[in-house]
Structure formats: structure tokens, C-alpha cells
Amino acid sequence: MKKTGARKPKAKKPKAKKTGAQQPAAALIEARIRELPAWQSQLLARLRALVKAADPAVVEEWKWSIPVWSHDGLICTGETYKSVVKMTFARGAALQDPARLFNSSLDGKVRRAIDFREGEAIDEPALMALIRAAVALNQSKTMPGQPLPC
């Protein structure tokens, strides 16, 4: 038997919490930094500060559940693993690396990475030069595989 009459309005559902895609990237990166073990937290925070110092116009993003820094295209990512904090440069194979910072993904045709281990020193001037070179590459019309000077 069908009920007749006016229907009761449905109760409003509580608003869902913001998902990762809705939160600002900076907040997600800061949350990630806070949740890491101390050495990784300090290292990722330092690398983030260096990226921002090297390129004040950098755009922070949160993609693939990791921090991403862009300026006219992807510059690099900041990934964390059990024994390393990794910076992967999207077009690293096209960058000259006179300080030989790249120590990972060396066989790739496009990208290159730097693995930072606990307690290792960071060559900050060389890393900032590499970041600036990556930005310059993004802003140029140079094709991958054609090195630019750092």
C-alpha cells in the first residue's frame, strides 16, 4: 500500500571534511612535514625552504600525494622513503650538474633525482643553482636532452 500525503524533508547531511584536493597545497605539505620522522621532517622542510628561496615565484602544489614545485612547468617533487628524502627534477636530464648533485634515476632520458640521506650535508648553493636552471629550462623553448648551463 502506498503512503499518501506530504513527504518529510530529508535531513541535511553534515558537510564533509575537505579532501586533499580541496585543501591548499601549502597546508598539505606542512601536514606531511609534521607527520614524518624528525630527520626527514627537518630535511624536507629545509629543501622546501631552498626551493622557495631559489625561486620566490615558485608555485607549491600537492600531486600524487607528494609536494610538487612548479614555475612555468614542473620543477621538482619532494618524496620521502624509509632511508631517503628524494628530490626528483622533472627535466633533470636536460640540466648540467657541475656539482654532481644528481645521484639517482641517472639512466632516465628525462628526469633525474637527488637522494638525501640522514645526516648528509646539502650543497645549498649548488642545489639552488640547479633549481634556478630548472626554472630557466621551463621558461625556454629548449627541448629535453639539450643541456642548459647551471
N, C-alpha and C. Protein backbone atom coordinates (compact mmCIF):
# COMPACT_ATOMS: atom_id res chain seq x y z
N MET A 1 0.84 -1.16 0.00
CA MET A 1 0.00 0.00 0.00
C MET A 1 0.89 1.23 0.00
N LYS A 2 0.54 2.18 -0.86
CA LYS A 2 1.31 3.40 -1.00
C LYS A 2 0.86 4.42 0.02
N LYS A 3 1.87 5.11 0.59
CA LYS A 3 1.54 6.18 1.52
C LYS A 3 1.22 7.43 0.72
N THR A 4 0.30 8.16 1.20
CA THR A 4 -0.05 9.41 0.54
C THR A 4 0.23 10.56 1.49
N GLY A 5 0.22 11.73 0.96
CA GLY A 5 0.41 12.90 1.81
C GLY A 5 1.77 13.53 1.55
N ALA A 6 2.05 14.56 2.28
CA ALA A 6 3.28 15.32 2.10
C ALA A 6 4.47 14.53 2.63
N ARG A 7 5.53 14.61 1.89
CA ARG A 7 6.76 13.95 2.33
C ARG A 7 7.51 14.83 3.30
N LYS A 8 8.17 14.19 4.21
CA LYS A 8 9.01 14.93 5.13
C LYS A 8 10.28 15.32 4.41
N PRO A 9 10.75 16.54 4.63
CA PRO A 9 12.02 16.91 4.00
C PRO A 9 13.15 16.07 4.59
N LYS A 10 14.06 15.69 3.72
CA LYS A 10 15.20 14.90 4.19
C LYS A 10 16.08 15.74 5.07
N ALA A 11 16.63 15.14 6.07
CA ALA A 11 17.57 15.84 6.94
C ALA A 11 18.84 16.14 6.16
N LYS A 12 19.37 17.32 6.39
CA LYS A 12 20.59 17.69 5.70
C LYS A 12 21.75 16.90 6.26
N LYS A 13 22.58 16.42 5.35
CA LYS A 13 23.77 15.69 5.76
C LYS A 13 24.82 16.69 6.22
N PRO A 14 25.62 16.32 7.21
CA PRO A 14 26.69 17.23 7.62
C PRO A 14 27.69 17.39 6.48
N LYS A 15 28.26 18.57 6.38
CA LYS A 15 29.23 18.81 5.33
C LYS A 15 30.45 17.93 5.55
N ALA A 16 30.92 17.36 4.47
CA ALA A 16 32.09 16.51 4.55
C ALA A 16 33.32 17.36 4.79
N LYS A 17 34.29 16.76 5.45
CA LYS A 17 35.56 17.45 5.66
C LYS A 17 36.23 17.64 4.31
N LYS A 18 37.05 18.67 4.24
CA LYS A 18 37.75 18.93 2.99
C LYS A 18 38.65 17.76 2.65
N THR A 19 38.64 17.40 1.40
CA THR A 19 39.56 16.36 0.95
C THR A 19 40.88 17.00 0.59
N GLY A 20 41.88 16.19 0.35
CA GLY A 20 43.20 16.68 0.00
C GLY A 20 43.18 17.63 -1.18
N ALA A 21 42.35 17.35 -2.16
CA ALA A 21 42.30 18.17 -3.36
C ALA A 21 41.73 19.55 -3.07
N GLN A 22 40.96 19.70 -1.99
CA GLN A 22 40.33 20.97 -1.69
C GLN A 22 41.19 21.82 -0.75
N GLN A 23 42.12 21.23 -0.05
CA GLN A 23 42.96 21.98 0.87
C GLN A 23 44.08 22.65 0.10
N PRO A 24 44.53 23.80 0.58
CA PRO A 24 45.67 24.44 -0.08
C PRO A 24 46.90 23.54 -0.01
N ALA A 25 47.68 23.58 -1.08
CA ALA A 25 48.87 22.73 -1.14
C ALA A 25 49.81 22.98 0.02
N ALA A 26 49.98 24.24 0.40
CA ALA A 26 50.90 24.56 1.50
C ALA A 26 50.49 23.85 2.78
N ALA A 27 49.20 23.79 3.05
CA ALA A 27 48.72 23.12 4.26
C ALA A 27 48.99 21.62 4.20
N LEU A 28 48.82 21.02 3.04
CA LEU A 28 49.08 19.60 2.87
C LEU A 28 50.58 19.29 3.01
N ILE A 29 51.40 20.17 2.47
CA ILE A 29 52.85 19.98 2.59
C ILE A 29 53.28 20.11 4.05
N GLU A 30 52.75 21.11 4.73
CA GLU A 30 53.08 21.29 6.14
C GLU A 30 52.62 20.10 6.97
N ALA A 31 51.45 19.57 6.67
CA ALA A 31 50.96 18.39 7.39
C ALA A 31 51.88 17.20 7.14
N ARG A 32 52.32 17.04 5.90
CA ARG A 32 53.24 15.94 5.57
C ARG A 32 54.54 16.09 6.34
N ILE A 33 55.07 17.30 6.39
CA ILE A 33 56.32 17.55 7.11
C ILE A 33 56.16 17.19 8.59
N ARG A 34 55.03 17.56 9.18
CA ARG A 34 54.79 17.27 10.61
C ARG A 34 54.69 15.78 10.91
N GLU A 35 54.20 14.99 9.97
CA GLU A 35 53.97 13.57 10.24
C GLU A 35 55.21 12.70 10.05
N LEU A 36 56.26 13.25 9.48
CA LEU A 36 57.47 12.47 9.19
C LEU A 36 58.35 12.31 10.43
N PRO A 37 59.22 11.30 10.41
CA PRO A 37 60.23 11.21 11.47
C PRO A 37 61.08 12.49 11.48
N ALA A 38 61.67 12.81 12.60
CA ALA A 38 62.36 14.09 12.80
C ALA A 38 63.36 14.43 11.70
N TRP A 39 64.25 13.50 11.35
CA TRP A 39 65.29 13.83 10.37
C TRP A 39 64.69 14.11 9.00
N GLN A 40 63.67 13.34 8.61
CA GLN A 40 63.03 13.56 7.32
C GLN A 40 62.22 14.85 7.33
N SER A 41 61.57 15.13 8.44
CA SER A 41 60.80 16.35 8.59
C SER A 41 61.69 17.57 8.42
N GLN A 42 62.81 17.58 9.13
CA GLN A 42 63.74 18.71 9.04
C GLN A 42 64.32 18.84 7.64
N LEU A 43 64.65 17.72 7.04
CA LEU A 43 65.26 17.75 5.70
C LEU A 43 64.26 18.23 4.64
N LEU A 44 63.05 17.70 4.65
CA LEU A 44 62.06 18.13 3.67
C LEU A 44 61.71 19.60 3.87
N ALA A 45 61.62 20.04 5.11
CA ALA A 45 61.35 21.45 5.38
C ALA A 45 62.50 22.32 4.86
N ARG A 46 63.73 21.88 5.02
CA ARG A 46 64.89 22.64 4.53
C ARG A 46 64.90 22.68 3.00
N LEU A 47 64.63 21.55 2.36
CA LEU A 47 64.59 21.51 0.89
C LEU A 47 63.49 22.43 0.36
N ARG A 48 62.34 22.42 1.02
CA ARG A 48 61.24 23.30 0.64
C ARG A 48 61.67 24.76 0.74
N ALA A 49 62.33 25.11 1.82
CA ALA A 49 62.80 26.49 2.01
C ALA A 49 63.81 26.88 0.92
N LEU A 50 64.67 25.95 0.54
CA LEU A 50 65.65 26.24 -0.51
C LEU A 50 64.98 26.46 -1.86
N VAL A 51 63.98 25.65 -2.16
CA VAL A 51 63.24 25.83 -3.42
C VAL A 51 62.60 27.21 -3.44
N LYS A 52 61.97 27.58 -2.34
CA LYS A 52 61.30 28.87 -2.27
C LYS A 52 62.29 30.04 -2.30
N ALA A 53 63.47 29.84 -1.72
CA ALA A 53 64.49 30.89 -1.76
C ALA A 53 65.10 31.02 -3.15
N ALA A 54 65.29 29.90 -3.82
CA ALA A 54 65.87 29.92 -5.16
C ALA A 54 64.93 30.55 -6.17
N ASP A 55 63.63 30.35 -5.97
CA ASP A 55 62.64 30.90 -6.89
C ASP A 55 61.43 31.41 -6.09
N PRO A 56 61.45 32.68 -5.71
CA PRO A 56 60.33 33.23 -4.93
C PRO A 56 58.99 33.14 -5.64
N ALA A 57 58.98 32.96 -6.95
CA ALA A 57 57.72 32.85 -7.70
C ALA A 57 57.25 31.41 -7.85
N VAL A 58 57.89 30.49 -7.16
CA VAL A 58 57.53 29.08 -7.28
C VAL A 58 56.08 28.86 -6.82
N VAL A 59 55.43 27.90 -7.45
CA VAL A 59 54.06 27.53 -7.07
C VAL A 59 54.14 26.16 -6.39
N GLU A 60 53.63 26.10 -5.17
CA GLU A 60 53.59 24.82 -4.47
C GLU A 60 52.30 24.11 -4.82
N GLU A 61 52.43 22.83 -5.10
CA GLU A 61 51.27 22.01 -5.43
C GLU A 61 51.34 20.71 -4.65
N TRP A 62 50.22 20.01 -4.61
CA TRP A 62 50.13 18.70 -3.98
C TRP A 62 49.57 17.75 -5.03
N LYS A 63 50.45 16.94 -5.62
CA LYS A 63 50.04 15.98 -6.64
C LYS A 63 50.63 14.63 -6.29
N TRP A 64 49.93 13.59 -6.65
CA TRP A 64 50.42 12.23 -6.43
C TRP A 64 50.75 11.98 -4.96
N SER A 65 50.08 12.71 -4.07
CA SER A 65 50.29 12.62 -2.62
C SER A 65 51.69 13.03 -2.19
N ILE A 66 52.31 13.93 -2.93
CA ILE A 66 53.64 14.45 -2.59
C ILE A 66 53.71 15.94 -2.91
N PRO A 67 54.64 16.65 -2.26
CA PRO A 67 54.85 18.06 -2.62
C PRO A 67 55.45 18.18 -4.02
N VAL A 68 54.97 19.18 -4.74
CA VAL A 68 55.44 19.45 -6.10
C VAL A 68 55.67 20.95 -6.20
N TRP A 69 56.79 21.33 -6.81
CA TRP A 69 57.09 22.74 -7.02
C TRP A 69 57.15 23.00 -8.52
N SER A 70 56.45 24.06 -8.95
CA SER A 70 56.35 24.38 -10.37
C SER A 70 56.61 25.86 -10.61
N HIS A 71 57.05 26.14 -11.82
CA HIS A 71 57.16 27.51 -12.32
C HIS A 71 57.26 27.38 -13.84
N ASP A 72 56.19 27.72 -14.51
CA ASP A 72 56.09 27.53 -15.96
C ASP A 72 56.31 26.07 -16.33
N GLY A 73 55.89 25.19 -15.48
CA GLY A 73 56.07 23.75 -15.65
C GLY A 73 56.65 23.16 -14.38
N LEU A 74 56.62 21.87 -14.30
CA LEU A 74 57.12 21.18 -13.11
C LEU A 74 58.62 21.38 -12.96
N ILE A 75 59.05 21.76 -11.75
CA ILE A 75 60.47 21.87 -11.43
C ILE A 75 60.92 20.56 -10.80
N CYS A 76 60.34 20.26 -9.62
CA CYS A 76 60.76 19.06 -8.90
C CYS A 76 59.68 18.64 -7.91
N THR A 77 59.87 17.43 -7.38
CA THR A 77 58.99 16.88 -6.35
C THR A 77 59.82 16.61 -5.11
N GLY A 78 59.15 16.47 -3.99
CA GLY A 78 59.80 16.12 -2.73
C GLY A 78 59.18 14.85 -2.18
N GLU A 79 59.88 13.75 -2.32
CA GLU A 79 59.35 12.46 -1.91
C GLU A 79 60.11 11.96 -0.68
N THR A 80 59.45 11.16 0.13
CA THR A 80 60.12 10.58 1.29
C THR A 80 59.99 9.07 1.26
N TYR A 81 61.08 8.42 1.56
CA TYR A 81 61.15 6.97 1.64
C TYR A 81 61.80 6.61 2.96
N LYS A 82 61.90 5.34 3.25
CA LYS A 82 62.42 4.90 4.54
C LYS A 82 63.80 5.48 4.84
N SER A 83 64.69 5.46 3.87
CA SER A 83 66.06 5.88 4.15
C SER A 83 66.51 7.13 3.40
N VAL A 84 65.62 7.73 2.60
CA VAL A 84 66.00 8.94 1.85
C VAL A 84 64.84 9.92 1.74
N VAL A 85 65.23 11.17 1.53
CA VAL A 85 64.31 12.19 1.06
C VAL A 85 64.79 12.48 -0.35
N LYS A 86 63.91 12.37 -1.32
CA LYS A 86 64.29 12.45 -2.73
C LYS A 86 63.69 13.69 -3.37
N MET A 87 64.53 14.40 -4.12
CA MET A 87 64.05 15.48 -4.98
C MET A 87 64.19 14.98 -6.41
N THR A 88 63.08 14.87 -7.10
CA THR A 88 63.10 14.44 -8.49
C THR A 88 62.83 15.64 -9.38
N PHE A 89 63.78 15.93 -10.26
CA PHE A 89 63.65 17.04 -11.20
C PHE A 89 63.04 16.51 -12.48
N ALA A 90 61.91 17.08 -12.86
CA ALA A 90 61.13 16.59 -13.99
C ALA A 90 61.94 16.54 -15.29
N ARG A 91 62.77 17.53 -15.53
CA ARG A 91 63.57 17.59 -16.76
C ARG A 91 65.06 17.61 -16.41
N GLY A 92 65.42 16.91 -15.37
CA GLY A 92 66.79 16.92 -14.87
C GLY A 92 67.84 16.46 -15.85
N ALA A 93 67.49 15.55 -16.76
CA ALA A 93 68.46 15.07 -17.75
C ALA A 93 68.92 16.18 -18.68
N ALA A 94 68.13 17.25 -18.80
CA ALA A 94 68.48 18.36 -19.67
C ALA A 94 69.28 19.44 -18.94
N LEU A 95 69.55 19.23 -17.66
CA LEU A 95 70.29 20.21 -16.88
C LEU A 95 71.74 19.80 -16.71
N GLN A 96 72.63 20.77 -16.78
CA GLN A 96 74.02 20.48 -16.43
C GLN A 96 74.10 20.43 -14.91
N ASP A 97 74.93 19.56 -14.41
CA ASP A 97 75.06 19.35 -12.97
C ASP A 97 76.54 19.34 -12.59
N PRO A 98 77.21 20.51 -12.64
CA PRO A 98 78.64 20.53 -12.37
C PRO A 98 79.02 20.08 -10.96
N ALA A 99 78.12 20.25 -10.00
CA ALA A 99 78.40 19.83 -8.63
C ALA A 99 78.07 18.35 -8.41
N ARG A 100 77.57 17.71 -9.45
CA ARG A 100 77.21 16.29 -9.39
C ARG A 100 76.25 15.96 -8.23
N LEU A 101 75.21 16.74 -8.16
CA LEU A 101 74.19 16.51 -7.13
C LEU A 101 73.31 15.31 -7.46
N PHE A 102 73.01 15.14 -8.75
CA PHE A 102 72.15 14.03 -9.14
C PHE A 102 72.85 12.71 -8.81
N ASN A 103 72.16 11.87 -8.05
CA ASN A 103 72.72 10.57 -7.67
C ASN A 103 71.71 9.44 -7.78
N SER A 104 70.58 9.72 -8.44
CA SER A 104 69.52 8.73 -8.57
C SER A 104 68.78 8.97 -9.89
N SER A 105 68.20 7.92 -10.43
CA SER A 105 67.48 7.99 -11.71
C SER A 105 68.40 8.49 -12.82
N LEU A 106 69.64 8.09 -12.79
CA LEU A 106 70.64 8.59 -13.74
C LEU A 106 70.48 7.99 -15.14
N ASP A 107 69.77 6.90 -15.26
CA ASP A 107 69.58 6.26 -16.56
C ASP A 107 68.36 6.78 -17.30
N GLY A 108 67.56 7.60 -16.64
CA GLY A 108 66.35 8.12 -17.26
C GLY A 108 66.66 9.08 -18.39
N LYS A 109 65.79 9.14 -19.36
CA LYS A 109 66.01 10.02 -20.51
C LYS A 109 65.54 11.45 -20.23
N VAL A 110 64.72 11.63 -19.21
CA VAL A 110 64.16 12.95 -18.95
C VAL A 110 64.44 13.41 -17.51
N ARG A 111 64.11 12.61 -16.55
CA ARG A 111 64.21 13.07 -15.17
C ARG A 111 65.52 12.64 -14.51
N ARG A 112 65.85 13.31 -13.43
CA ARG A 112 66.99 12.98 -12.58
C ARG A 112 66.57 13.27 -11.15
N ALA A 113 67.22 12.61 -10.20
CA ALA A 113 66.85 12.80 -8.80
C ALA A 113 68.08 12.91 -7.92
N ILE A 114 67.84 13.46 -6.75
CA ILE A 114 68.87 13.55 -5.71
C ILE A 114 68.30 12.84 -4.48
N ASP A 115 69.01 11.84 -4.01
CA ASP A 115 68.65 11.16 -2.76
C ASP A 115 69.45 11.78 -1.63
N PHE A 116 68.76 12.31 -0.64
CA PHE A 116 69.40 12.86 0.55
C PHE A 116 69.20 11.87 1.69
N ARG A 117 70.29 11.47 2.31
CA ARG A 117 70.23 10.53 3.43
C ARG A 117 70.40 11.28 4.75
N GLU A 118 69.98 10.64 5.81
CA GLU A 118 70.08 11.23 7.14
C GLU A 118 71.52 11.64 7.44
N GLY A 119 71.69 12.87 7.89
CA GLY A 119 73.00 13.36 8.30
C GLY A 119 73.87 13.91 7.18
N GLU A 120 73.49 13.72 5.92
CA GLU A 120 74.29 14.24 4.82
C GLU A 120 74.13 15.76 4.72
N ALA A 121 75.24 16.40 4.35
CA ALA A 121 75.21 17.85 4.14
C ALA A 121 74.56 18.15 2.79
N ILE A 122 73.93 19.29 2.70
CA ILE A 122 73.32 19.76 1.45
C ILE A 122 74.22 20.85 0.89
N ASP A 123 74.61 20.72 -0.36
CA ASP A 123 75.34 21.78 -1.05
C ASP A 123 74.29 22.80 -1.49
N GLU A 124 73.94 23.69 -0.58
CA GLU A 124 72.83 24.61 -0.82
C GLU A 124 73.04 25.52 -2.03
N PRO A 125 74.22 26.14 -2.20
CA PRO A 125 74.38 26.98 -3.40
C PRO A 125 74.21 26.18 -4.70
N ALA A 126 74.76 24.99 -4.75
CA ALA A 126 74.64 24.16 -5.96
C ALA A 126 73.19 23.73 -6.19
N LEU A 127 72.49 23.38 -5.13
CA LEU A 127 71.09 22.97 -5.27
C LEU A 127 70.23 24.14 -5.73
N MET A 128 70.47 25.32 -5.18
CA MET A 128 69.70 26.49 -5.60
C MET A 128 70.00 26.83 -7.06
N ALA A 129 71.24 26.66 -7.49
CA ALA A 129 71.59 26.90 -8.89
C ALA A 129 70.87 25.90 -9.79
N LEU A 130 70.76 24.66 -9.35
CA LEU A 130 70.07 23.63 -10.12
C LEU A 130 68.57 23.96 -10.24
N ILE A 131 67.99 24.43 -9.15
CA ILE A 131 66.58 24.81 -9.16
C ILE A 131 66.36 25.97 -10.13
N ARG A 132 67.24 26.97 -10.07
CA ARG A 132 67.12 28.12 -10.99
C ARG A 132 67.29 27.69 -12.44
N ALA A 133 68.19 26.75 -12.68
CA ALA A 133 68.39 26.23 -14.04
C ALA A 133 67.15 25.49 -14.52
N ALA A 134 66.49 24.77 -13.62
CA ALA A 134 65.26 24.06 -13.99
C ALA A 134 64.16 25.06 -14.36
N VAL A 135 64.08 26.15 -13.62
CA VAL A 135 63.10 27.19 -13.94
C VAL A 135 63.42 27.80 -15.30
N ALA A 136 64.70 28.12 -15.52
CA ALA A 136 65.11 28.70 -16.81
C ALA A 136 64.79 27.75 -17.96
N LEU A 137 64.98 26.47 -17.74
CA LEU A 137 64.65 25.48 -18.76
C LEU A 137 63.15 25.48 -19.04
N ASN A 138 62.36 25.54 -18.00
CA ASN A 138 60.90 25.60 -18.19
C ASN A 138 60.49 26.84 -18.97
N GLN A 139 61.20 27.92 -18.77
CA GLN A 139 60.84 29.18 -19.42
C GLN A 139 61.40 29.29 -20.83
N SER A 140 62.30 28.40 -21.17
CA SER A 140 62.89 28.42 -22.51
C SER A 140 62.09 27.53 -23.45
N LYS A 141 62.49 27.52 -24.68
CA LYS A 141 61.85 26.63 -25.65
C LYS A 141 62.76 25.45 -25.94
N THR A 142 63.73 25.23 -25.04
CA THR A 142 64.69 24.14 -25.23
C THR A 142 63.99 22.80 -25.07
N MET A 143 64.30 21.89 -25.92
CA MET A 143 63.73 20.55 -25.87
C MET A 143 64.52 19.70 -24.89
N PRO A 144 63.90 18.69 -24.27
CA PRO A 144 64.63 17.79 -23.38
C PRO A 144 65.82 17.18 -24.10
N GLY A 145 66.91 17.01 -23.37
CA GLY A 145 68.10 16.41 -23.94
C GLY A 145 69.12 17.44 -24.39
N GLN A 146 68.74 18.72 -24.41
CA GLN A 146 69.68 19.79 -24.75
C GLN A 146 70.05 20.49 -23.46
N PRO A 147 71.26 20.23 -22.92
CA PRO A 147 71.62 20.77 -21.61
C PRO A 147 71.70 22.29 -21.60
N LEU A 148 71.31 22.84 -20.45
CA LEU A 148 71.47 24.26 -20.18
C LEU A 148 72.52 24.40 -19.09
N PRO A 149 73.27 25.46 -19.09
CA PRO A 149 74.24 25.65 -18.02
C PRO A 149 73.53 25.95 -16.70
N CYS A 150 74.14 25.55 -15.59
CA CYS A 150 73.60 25.86 -14.26
C CYS A 150 73.95 27.28 -13.90
